[in-house]
Amino acid sequence: MKNRLKVLRAERDWTQADLANALQVSRQTANAIEKGKFDPSLPLAFKIARLFNLTVEDIFIDDEKT
């Protein structure tokens, strides 16, 4: 699944470690989600959306629709 995490993180001048700390996950997990190698659980996806004050659909792009 594609996502806009790298752009959203960069807009805030956050490192992947900063993002990981905000989400209470490891930096490796944040990296894997950002690179599309790992899809977050639904609760984590909602947590990410709340963190950026966006909807899940604003952050994550369903590959099957593109």
N, C-alpha and C. Protein backbone atom coordinates (compact mmCIF):
# COMPACT_ATOMS: atom_id res chain seq x y z
N MET A 1 0.84 -1.17 0.00
CA MET A 1 0.00 0.00 0.00
C MET A 1 0.90 1.24 0.00
N LYS A 2 0.61 2.15 -0.89
CA LYS A 2 1.37 3.40 -0.95
C LYS A 2 0.86 4.35 0.14
N ASN A 3 1.71 5.31 0.49
CA ASN A 3 1.30 6.28 1.50
C ASN A 3 2.07 7.58 1.33
N ARG A 4 1.63 8.59 2.06
CA ARG A 4 2.24 9.92 2.01
C ARG A 4 3.06 10.22 3.26
N LEU A 5 3.44 9.20 4.01
CA LEU A 5 4.12 9.43 5.28
C LEU A 5 5.42 10.21 5.15
N LYS A 6 6.23 9.89 4.16
CA LYS A 6 7.51 10.58 4.01
C LYS A 6 7.31 12.07 3.80
N VAL A 7 6.34 12.43 2.97
CA VAL A 7 6.05 13.85 2.70
C VAL A 7 5.51 14.53 3.97
N LEU A 8 4.56 13.87 4.63
CA LEU A 8 3.98 14.45 5.84
C LEU A 8 5.02 14.62 6.93
N ARG A 9 5.90 13.65 7.05
CA ARG A 9 6.97 13.72 8.05
C ARG A 9 7.93 14.85 7.71
N ALA A 10 8.29 14.98 6.45
CA ALA A 10 9.22 16.03 6.02
C ALA A 10 8.63 17.42 6.23
N GLU A 11 7.34 17.57 6.03
CA GLU A 11 6.69 18.87 6.25
C GLU A 11 6.84 19.34 7.69
N ARG A 12 7.02 18.40 8.60
CA ARG A 12 7.17 18.73 10.02
C ARG A 12 8.63 18.68 10.48
N ASP A 13 9.54 18.45 9.54
CA ASP A 13 10.97 18.31 9.86
C ASP A 13 11.21 17.23 10.90
N TRP A 14 10.47 16.13 10.78
CA TRP A 14 10.62 15.00 11.69
C TRP A 14 11.53 13.96 11.07
N THR A 15 12.31 13.32 11.89
CA THR A 15 13.06 12.13 11.47
C THR A 15 12.13 10.93 11.58
N GLN A 16 12.57 9.81 11.05
CA GLN A 16 11.78 8.59 11.24
C GLN A 16 11.71 8.23 12.72
N ALA A 17 12.75 8.54 13.45
CA ALA A 17 12.74 8.28 14.90
C ALA A 17 11.69 9.15 15.59
N ASP A 18 11.56 10.40 15.16
CA ASP A 18 10.53 11.28 15.74
C ASP A 18 9.13 10.71 15.48
N LEU A 19 8.91 10.27 14.24
CA LEU A 19 7.62 9.67 13.89
C LEU A 19 7.37 8.42 14.71
N ALA A 20 8.37 7.58 14.80
CA ALA A 20 8.24 6.34 15.57
C ALA A 20 7.91 6.63 17.03
N ASN A 21 8.58 7.60 17.61
CA ASN A 21 8.30 7.97 19.01
C ASN A 21 6.87 8.46 19.17
N ALA A 22 6.41 9.27 18.24
CA ALA A 22 5.04 9.80 18.31
C ALA A 22 4.01 8.68 18.21
N LEU A 23 4.35 7.64 17.46
CA LEU A 23 3.42 6.51 17.26
C LEU A 23 3.65 5.38 18.24
N GLN A 24 4.71 5.47 19.03
CA GLN A 24 5.08 4.43 19.99
C GLN A 24 5.35 3.09 19.29
N VAL A 25 6.11 3.18 18.18
CA VAL A 25 6.58 2.00 17.46
C VAL A 25 8.08 2.15 17.27
N SER A 26 8.73 1.10 16.79
CA SER A 26 10.16 1.19 16.53
C SER A 26 10.42 2.01 15.27
N ARG A 27 11.64 2.52 15.16
CA ARG A 27 12.01 3.26 13.95
C ARG A 27 11.94 2.33 12.74
N GLN A 28 12.30 1.07 12.94
CA GLN A 28 12.24 0.10 11.84
C GLN A 28 10.81 -0.09 11.35
N THR A 29 9.86 -0.10 12.26
CA THR A 29 8.45 -0.21 11.87
C THR A 29 8.02 1.02 11.10
N ALA A 30 8.37 2.20 11.59
CA ALA A 30 8.02 3.44 10.89
C ALA A 30 8.62 3.45 9.49
N ASN A 31 9.87 3.00 9.38
CA ASN A 31 10.54 2.94 8.09
C ASN A 31 9.82 1.98 7.14
N ALA A 32 9.47 0.80 7.63
CA ALA A 32 8.80 -0.20 6.80
C ALA A 32 7.43 0.28 6.32
N ILE A 33 6.69 0.95 7.18
CA ILE A 33 5.39 1.49 6.78
C ILE A 33 5.59 2.58 5.73
N GLU A 34 6.52 3.49 6.01
CA GLU A 34 6.78 4.60 5.09
C GLU A 34 7.18 4.11 3.70
N LYS A 35 7.98 3.05 3.64
CA LYS A 35 8.45 2.52 2.36
C LYS A 35 7.45 1.56 1.71
N GLY A 36 6.32 1.34 2.36
CA GLY A 36 5.30 0.46 1.79
C GLY A 36 5.63 -1.02 1.90
N LYS A 37 6.59 -1.37 2.74
CA LYS A 37 6.96 -2.77 2.93
C LYS A 37 6.10 -3.45 3.98
N PHE A 38 5.39 -2.67 4.75
CA PHE A 38 4.56 -3.18 5.84
C PHE A 38 3.31 -2.32 5.92
N ASP A 39 2.14 -2.96 5.92
CA ASP A 39 0.89 -2.24 6.09
C ASP A 39 0.56 -2.18 7.58
N PRO A 40 0.25 -1.00 8.08
CA PRO A 40 -0.05 -0.90 9.51
C PRO A 40 -1.37 -1.57 9.85
N SER A 41 -1.50 -1.95 11.10
CA SER A 41 -2.79 -2.45 11.58
C SER A 41 -3.80 -1.31 11.50
N LEU A 42 -5.05 -1.64 11.54
CA LEU A 42 -6.09 -0.61 11.48
C LEU A 42 -5.96 0.38 12.65
N PRO A 43 -5.77 -0.09 13.89
CA PRO A 43 -5.59 0.87 14.98
C PRO A 43 -4.38 1.79 14.77
N LEU A 44 -3.29 1.25 14.23
CA LEU A 44 -2.11 2.08 13.98
C LEU A 44 -2.38 3.06 12.84
N ALA A 45 -3.09 2.64 11.82
CA ALA A 45 -3.43 3.54 10.71
C ALA A 45 -4.26 4.72 11.23
N PHE A 46 -5.21 4.45 12.12
CA PHE A 46 -6.01 5.54 12.69
C PHE A 46 -5.16 6.44 13.58
N LYS A 47 -4.21 5.86 14.29
CA LYS A 47 -3.31 6.65 15.13
C LYS A 47 -2.47 7.59 14.27
N ILE A 48 -1.99 7.08 13.14
CA ILE A 48 -1.22 7.90 12.20
C ILE A 48 -2.09 9.03 11.68
N ALA A 49 -3.31 8.71 11.29
CA ALA A 49 -4.22 9.73 10.77
C ALA A 49 -4.49 10.82 11.80
N ARG A 50 -4.71 10.41 13.05
CA ARG A 50 -4.94 11.40 14.11
C ARG A 50 -3.71 12.27 14.32
N LEU A 51 -2.54 11.67 14.26
CA LEU A 51 -1.30 12.41 14.46
C LEU A 51 -1.15 13.54 13.45
N PHE A 52 -1.54 13.28 12.22
CA PHE A 52 -1.42 14.28 11.16
C PHE A 52 -2.71 15.05 10.92
N ASN A 53 -3.73 14.76 11.71
CA ASN A 53 -5.03 15.43 11.58
C ASN A 53 -5.61 15.26 10.18
N LEU A 54 -5.50 14.04 9.66
CA LEU A 54 -6.01 13.68 8.34
C LEU A 54 -6.83 12.41 8.46
N THR A 55 -7.49 12.03 7.37
CA THR A 55 -8.19 10.75 7.35
C THR A 55 -7.20 9.67 6.90
N VAL A 56 -7.54 8.44 7.18
CA VAL A 56 -6.71 7.32 6.74
C VAL A 56 -6.57 7.36 5.22
N GLU A 57 -7.66 7.68 4.53
CA GLU A 57 -7.65 7.74 3.07
C GLU A 57 -6.77 8.85 2.54
N ASP A 58 -6.56 9.90 3.33
CA ASP A 58 -5.67 11.00 2.91
C ASP A 58 -4.20 10.60 2.98
N ILE A 59 -3.89 9.59 3.76
CA ILE A 59 -2.51 9.17 3.96
C ILE A 59 -2.17 7.91 3.16
N PHE A 60 -3.07 6.94 3.16
CA PHE A 60 -2.81 5.66 2.53
C PHE A 60 -3.59 5.53 1.23
N ILE A 61 -2.91 5.03 0.20
CA ILE A 61 -3.50 4.88 -1.13
C ILE A 61 -3.59 3.40 -1.44
N ASP A 62 -4.78 2.93 -1.74
CA ASP A 62 -5.01 1.53 -2.07
C ASP A 62 -4.41 1.24 -3.45
N ASP A 63 -3.44 0.34 -3.51
CA ASP A 63 -2.79 -0.02 -4.78
C ASP A 63 -3.77 -0.55 -5.81
N GLU A 64 -4.81 -1.20 -5.37
CA GLU A 64 -5.76 -1.81 -6.30
C GLU A 64 -6.59 -0.76 -7.03
N LYS A 65 -6.67 0.44 -6.50
CA LYS A 65 -7.44 1.51 -7.14
C LYS A 65 -6.63 2.30 -8.15
N THR A 66 -5.31 2.14 -8.13
CA THR A 66 -4.46 2.91 -9.05
C THR A 66 -4.13 2.13 -10.29
